[in-house]
Amino acid sequence: MRVEEASGIFAAMGQSHRLSILHCLAPYSRGDAARGLPAGEIARRLELAPATLSFHLKEMTGKGLLMQERDGRRIFYRVNVPRLLEALEYVITHICEYSSGA
């Protein structure tokens, strides 16, 4: 992972609504059969206006933080856990270990 990619992922998480979206989707993003939640359900659970949610989902999906799957007219979203872990590993490897003298 390059510094630009890691920066983009952390920027995509750097807002309270976006962290709430990740928290909401986390239980529905585990395992190979994870389907996620449809946008309407996310909006309902977080009490977000559809336009606001759509903006945040687009940003997060664009950075690879979320994955989406269409089922008819609905789009299901889930956390791209491997991508998130890759960004965290980048920080641990290139920043935390370096600053600790490892």
N, C-alpha and C. Protein backbone atom coordinates (compact mmCIF):
# COMPACT_ATOMS: atom_id res chain seq x y z
N MET A 1 0.85 -1.18 0.00
CA MET A 1 0.00 0.00 0.00
C MET A 1 0.89 1.24 0.00
N ARG A 2 0.49 2.20 -0.78
CA ARG A 2 1.21 3.47 -0.85
C ARG A 2 0.63 4.45 0.17
N VAL A 3 1.41 5.45 0.49
CA VAL A 3 0.98 6.44 1.48
C VAL A 3 -0.30 7.14 1.03
N GLU A 4 -0.47 7.37 -0.26
CA GLU A 4 -1.67 8.04 -0.77
C GLU A 4 -2.92 7.20 -0.54
N GLU A 5 -2.77 5.88 -0.73
CA GLU A 5 -3.91 4.97 -0.52
C GLU A 5 -4.30 4.95 0.95
N ALA A 6 -3.32 4.79 1.82
CA ALA A 6 -3.60 4.77 3.26
C ALA A 6 -4.23 6.08 3.70
N SER A 7 -3.70 7.18 3.22
CA SER A 7 -4.23 8.49 3.56
C SER A 7 -5.69 8.62 3.13
N GLY A 8 -6.00 8.14 1.93
CA GLY A 8 -7.38 8.20 1.43
C GLY A 8 -8.33 7.39 2.27
N ILE A 9 -7.89 6.22 2.71
CA ILE A 9 -8.75 5.38 3.55
C ILE A 9 -9.01 6.04 4.89
N PHE A 10 -7.96 6.59 5.50
CA PHE A 10 -8.16 7.24 6.80
C PHE A 10 -8.98 8.52 6.65
N ALA A 11 -8.82 9.23 5.55
CA ALA A 11 -9.64 10.41 5.30
C ALA A 11 -11.11 10.02 5.14
N ALA A 12 -11.35 8.87 4.51
CA ALA A 12 -12.72 8.41 4.32
C ALA A 12 -13.37 8.00 5.64
N MET A 13 -12.57 7.74 6.66
CA MET A 13 -13.12 7.40 7.98
C MET A 13 -13.15 8.61 8.92
N GLY A 14 -12.58 9.72 8.49
CA GLY A 14 -12.37 10.86 9.37
C GLY A 14 -13.57 11.78 9.55
N GLN A 15 -14.72 11.21 9.75
CA GLN A 15 -15.94 11.99 9.94
C GLN A 15 -16.90 11.13 10.76
N SER A 16 -17.63 11.74 11.66
CA SER A 16 -18.45 10.97 12.60
C SER A 16 -19.52 10.11 11.91
N HIS A 17 -20.17 10.62 10.87
CA HIS A 17 -21.18 9.81 10.17
C HIS A 17 -20.53 8.58 9.54
N ARG A 18 -19.34 8.75 9.01
CA ARG A 18 -18.68 7.63 8.34
C ARG A 18 -18.25 6.57 9.34
N LEU A 19 -17.78 6.97 10.49
CA LEU A 19 -17.45 5.98 11.52
C LEU A 19 -18.72 5.27 11.99
N SER A 20 -19.82 6.00 12.06
CA SER A 20 -21.09 5.38 12.44
C SER A 20 -21.54 4.37 11.39
N ILE A 21 -21.31 4.68 10.12
CA ILE A 21 -21.65 3.75 9.04
C ILE A 21 -20.82 2.47 9.19
N LEU A 22 -19.52 2.61 9.43
CA LEU A 22 -18.66 1.44 9.63
C LEU A 22 -19.15 0.60 10.80
N HIS A 23 -19.48 1.27 11.89
CA HIS A 23 -19.96 0.57 13.08
C HIS A 23 -21.27 -0.16 12.79
N CYS A 24 -22.15 0.48 12.06
CA CYS A 24 -23.44 -0.12 11.69
C CYS A 24 -23.25 -1.35 10.81
N LEU A 25 -22.31 -1.28 9.88
CA LEU A 25 -22.11 -2.36 8.91
C LEU A 25 -21.23 -3.50 9.42
N ALA A 26 -20.43 -3.24 10.43
CA ALA A 26 -19.46 -4.24 10.89
C ALA A 26 -20.06 -5.62 11.15
N PRO A 27 -21.17 -5.73 11.88
CA PRO A 27 -21.71 -7.08 12.13
C PRO A 27 -22.21 -7.79 10.87
N TYR A 28 -22.47 -7.03 9.81
CA TYR A 28 -23.00 -7.59 8.57
C TYR A 28 -21.92 -7.74 7.51
N SER A 29 -20.65 -7.60 7.92
CA SER A 29 -19.54 -7.63 6.97
C SER A 29 -18.57 -8.77 7.25
N ARG A 30 -18.92 -9.65 8.15
CA ARG A 30 -18.01 -10.73 8.54
C ARG A 30 -18.32 -12.01 7.76
N GLY A 31 -17.26 -12.68 7.36
CA GLY A 31 -17.43 -13.97 6.70
C GLY A 31 -17.66 -13.86 5.22
N ASP A 32 -17.47 -14.99 4.55
CA ASP A 32 -17.62 -15.04 3.10
C ASP A 32 -19.05 -14.81 2.64
N ALA A 33 -20.02 -15.17 3.47
CA ALA A 33 -21.43 -15.04 3.07
C ALA A 33 -22.01 -13.69 3.49
N ALA A 34 -21.18 -12.79 4.01
CA ALA A 34 -21.68 -11.49 4.47
C ALA A 34 -22.29 -10.72 3.32
N ARG A 35 -23.46 -10.21 3.56
CA ARG A 35 -24.16 -9.49 2.51
C ARG A 35 -24.18 -8.00 2.75
N GLY A 36 -24.04 -7.58 4.00
CA GLY A 36 -24.12 -6.16 4.30
C GLY A 36 -25.55 -5.73 4.54
N LEU A 37 -25.78 -4.45 4.40
CA LEU A 37 -27.11 -3.86 4.58
C LEU A 37 -27.44 -2.97 3.39
N PRO A 38 -28.73 -2.89 3.04
CA PRO A 38 -29.11 -1.96 1.98
C PRO A 38 -29.04 -0.52 2.49
N ALA A 39 -28.83 0.39 1.57
CA ALA A 39 -28.67 1.80 1.92
C ALA A 39 -29.85 2.33 2.75
N GLY A 40 -31.06 1.94 2.38
CA GLY A 40 -32.24 2.42 3.11
C GLY A 40 -32.23 1.99 4.57
N GLU A 41 -31.76 0.79 4.84
CA GLU A 41 -31.68 0.30 6.21
C GLU A 41 -30.60 1.04 7.00
N ILE A 42 -29.49 1.33 6.35
CA ILE A 42 -28.43 2.10 7.01
C ILE A 42 -28.96 3.48 7.38
N ALA A 43 -29.65 4.12 6.43
CA ALA A 43 -30.21 5.45 6.68
C ALA A 43 -31.20 5.42 7.84
N ARG A 44 -32.03 4.40 7.88
CA ARG A 44 -33.02 4.28 8.95
C ARG A 44 -32.34 4.11 10.30
N ARG A 45 -31.38 3.21 10.36
CA ARG A 45 -30.70 2.93 11.64
C ARG A 45 -29.91 4.12 12.16
N LEU A 46 -29.31 4.87 11.25
CA LEU A 46 -28.48 6.00 11.67
C LEU A 46 -29.22 7.33 11.65
N GLU A 47 -30.48 7.28 11.21
CA GLU A 47 -31.31 8.47 11.11
C GLU A 47 -30.64 9.55 10.26
N LEU A 48 -30.17 9.13 9.09
CA LEU A 48 -29.54 10.03 8.15
C LEU A 48 -30.44 10.24 6.94
N ALA A 49 -30.43 11.45 6.43
CA ALA A 49 -31.17 11.73 5.20
C ALA A 49 -30.55 10.92 4.06
N PRO A 50 -31.36 10.41 3.14
CA PRO A 50 -30.82 9.61 2.04
C PRO A 50 -29.71 10.31 1.26
N ALA A 51 -29.85 11.60 1.00
CA ALA A 51 -28.81 12.31 0.25
C ALA A 51 -27.50 12.37 1.03
N THR A 52 -27.60 12.58 2.32
CA THR A 52 -26.40 12.62 3.17
C THR A 52 -25.72 11.26 3.18
N LEU A 53 -26.51 10.21 3.38
CA LEU A 53 -25.95 8.86 3.39
C LEU A 53 -25.32 8.53 2.05
N SER A 54 -25.99 8.85 0.97
CA SER A 54 -25.48 8.57 -0.37
C SER A 54 -24.12 9.22 -0.59
N PHE A 55 -23.97 10.45 -0.14
CA PHE A 55 -22.69 11.16 -0.27
C PHE A 55 -21.58 10.39 0.45
N HIS A 56 -21.86 9.99 1.69
CA HIS A 56 -20.85 9.30 2.48
C HIS A 56 -20.54 7.91 1.92
N LEU A 57 -21.56 7.18 1.49
CA LEU A 57 -21.34 5.85 0.91
C LEU A 57 -20.50 5.95 -0.35
N LYS A 58 -20.75 6.95 -1.16
CA LYS A 58 -19.98 7.14 -2.40
C LYS A 58 -18.51 7.40 -2.07
N GLU A 59 -18.25 8.25 -1.12
CA GLU A 59 -16.87 8.56 -0.74
C GLU A 59 -16.16 7.32 -0.20
N MET A 60 -16.83 6.59 0.67
CA MET A 60 -16.23 5.42 1.30
C MET A 60 -16.02 4.29 0.30
N THR A 61 -16.96 4.11 -0.61
CA THR A 61 -16.83 3.08 -1.64
C THR A 61 -15.71 3.45 -2.61
N GLY A 62 -15.63 4.72 -2.95
CA GLY A 62 -14.59 5.20 -3.86
C GLY A 62 -13.18 4.98 -3.35
N LYS A 63 -13.01 4.99 -2.04
CA LYS A 63 -11.70 4.76 -1.43
C LYS A 63 -11.46 3.29 -1.15
N GLY A 64 -12.43 2.44 -1.47
CA GLY A 64 -12.27 1.01 -1.27
C GLY A 64 -12.58 0.55 0.14
N LEU A 65 -13.13 1.43 0.96
CA LEU A 65 -13.44 1.09 2.34
C LEU A 65 -14.72 0.26 2.45
N LEU A 66 -15.64 0.45 1.51
CA LEU A 66 -16.87 -0.32 1.45
C LEU A 66 -16.96 -1.05 0.12
N MET A 67 -17.66 -2.18 0.14
CA MET A 67 -17.98 -2.91 -1.08
C MET A 67 -19.49 -2.85 -1.25
N GLN A 68 -19.93 -2.91 -2.47
CA GLN A 68 -21.37 -2.88 -2.73
C GLN A 68 -21.77 -4.01 -3.66
N GLU A 69 -23.02 -4.43 -3.49
CA GLU A 69 -23.58 -5.50 -4.32
C GLU A 69 -25.03 -5.16 -4.61
N ARG A 70 -25.37 -5.16 -5.87
CA ARG A 70 -26.74 -4.83 -6.27
C ARG A 70 -27.61 -6.09 -6.25
N ASP A 71 -28.81 -5.93 -5.72
CA ASP A 71 -29.81 -7.00 -5.74
C ASP A 71 -31.12 -6.35 -6.17
N GLY A 72 -31.41 -6.46 -7.45
CA GLY A 72 -32.58 -5.77 -7.97
C GLY A 72 -32.39 -4.27 -7.90
N ARG A 73 -33.29 -3.60 -7.21
CA ARG A 73 -33.21 -2.14 -7.08
C ARG A 73 -32.41 -1.70 -5.87
N ARG A 74 -32.06 -2.65 -5.01
CA ARG A 74 -31.35 -2.28 -3.78
C ARG A 74 -29.85 -2.54 -3.93
N ILE A 75 -29.08 -1.71 -3.24
CA ILE A 75 -27.64 -1.89 -3.19
C ILE A 75 -27.27 -2.18 -1.74
N PHE A 76 -26.59 -3.28 -1.55
CA PHE A 76 -26.13 -3.68 -0.22
C PHE A 76 -24.68 -3.24 -0.05
N TYR A 77 -24.38 -2.72 1.14
CA TYR A 77 -23.03 -2.25 1.45
C TYR A 77 -22.47 -3.07 2.60
N ARG A 78 -21.15 -3.32 2.53
CA ARG A 78 -20.46 -3.97 3.63
C ARG A 78 -19.03 -3.42 3.70
N VAL A 79 -18.43 -3.56 4.87
CA VAL A 79 -17.07 -3.08 5.07
C VAL A 79 -16.11 -3.98 4.31
N ASN A 80 -15.17 -3.38 3.62
CA ASN A 80 -14.10 -4.12 2.95
C ASN A 80 -13.01 -4.33 4.00
N VAL A 81 -13.21 -5.34 4.84
CA VAL A 81 -12.33 -5.59 5.98
C VAL A 81 -10.87 -5.77 5.56
N PRO A 82 -10.57 -6.56 4.52
CA PRO A 82 -9.16 -6.70 4.13
C PRO A 82 -8.50 -5.35 3.78
N ARG A 83 -9.24 -4.48 3.13
CA ARG A 83 -8.70 -3.16 2.76
C ARG A 83 -8.44 -2.32 4.01
N LEU A 84 -9.36 -2.36 4.96
CA LEU A 84 -9.18 -1.63 6.21
C LEU A 84 -7.98 -2.18 6.97
N LEU A 85 -7.84 -3.48 7.04
CA LEU A 85 -6.71 -4.09 7.73
C LEU A 85 -5.39 -3.74 7.05
N GLU A 86 -5.42 -3.67 5.73
CA GLU A 86 -4.21 -3.30 4.99
C GLU A 86 -3.76 -1.88 5.36
N ALA A 87 -4.71 -0.97 5.49
CA ALA A 87 -4.37 0.41 5.88
C ALA A 87 -3.84 0.46 7.31
N LEU A 88 -4.46 -0.30 8.19
CA LEU A 88 -3.99 -0.34 9.58
C LEU A 88 -2.59 -0.95 9.66
N GLU A 89 -2.36 -1.99 8.89
CA GLU A 89 -1.04 -2.63 8.86
C GLU A 89 0.02 -1.65 8.36
N TYR A 90 -0.36 -0.85 7.37
CA TYR A 90 0.56 0.16 6.85
C TYR A 90 0.99 1.11 7.96
N VAL A 91 0.03 1.59 8.73
CA VAL A 91 0.35 2.52 9.82
C VAL A 91 1.22 1.84 10.88
N ILE A 92 0.86 0.63 11.24
CA ILE A 92 1.63 -0.09 12.26
C ILE A 92 3.05 -0.34 11.78
N THR A 93 3.19 -0.77 10.55
CA THR A 93 4.51 -1.10 10.02
C THR A 93 5.37 0.12 9.76
N HIS A 94 4.79 1.15 9.15
CA HIS A 94 5.59 2.28 8.71
C HIS A 94 5.64 3.45 9.69
N ILE A 95 4.77 3.46 10.66
CA ILE A 95 4.76 4.59 11.59
C ILE A 95 5.00 4.12 13.02
N CYS A 96 4.15 3.26 13.50
CA CYS A 96 4.24 2.82 14.91
C CYS A 96 5.55 2.10 15.20
N GLU A 97 5.91 1.13 14.39
CA GLU A 97 7.15 0.39 14.64
C GLU A 97 8.37 1.28 14.47
N TYR A 98 8.33 2.18 13.52
CA TYR A 98 9.46 3.08 13.30
C TYR A 98 9.65 4.01 14.50
N SER A 99 8.54 4.56 14.99
CA SER A 99 8.63 5.51 16.10
C SER A 99 8.98 4.83 17.43
N SER A 100 8.73 3.53 17.53
CA SER A 100 9.05 2.82 18.78
C SER A 100 10.47 2.27 18.77
N GLY A 101 11.17 2.46 17.65
CA GLY A 101 12.54 2.00 17.55
C GLY A 101 12.68 0.54 17.18
N ALA A 102 11.61 -0.09 16.75
CA ALA A 102 11.65 -1.51 16.35
C ALA A 102 12.33 -1.69 15.04
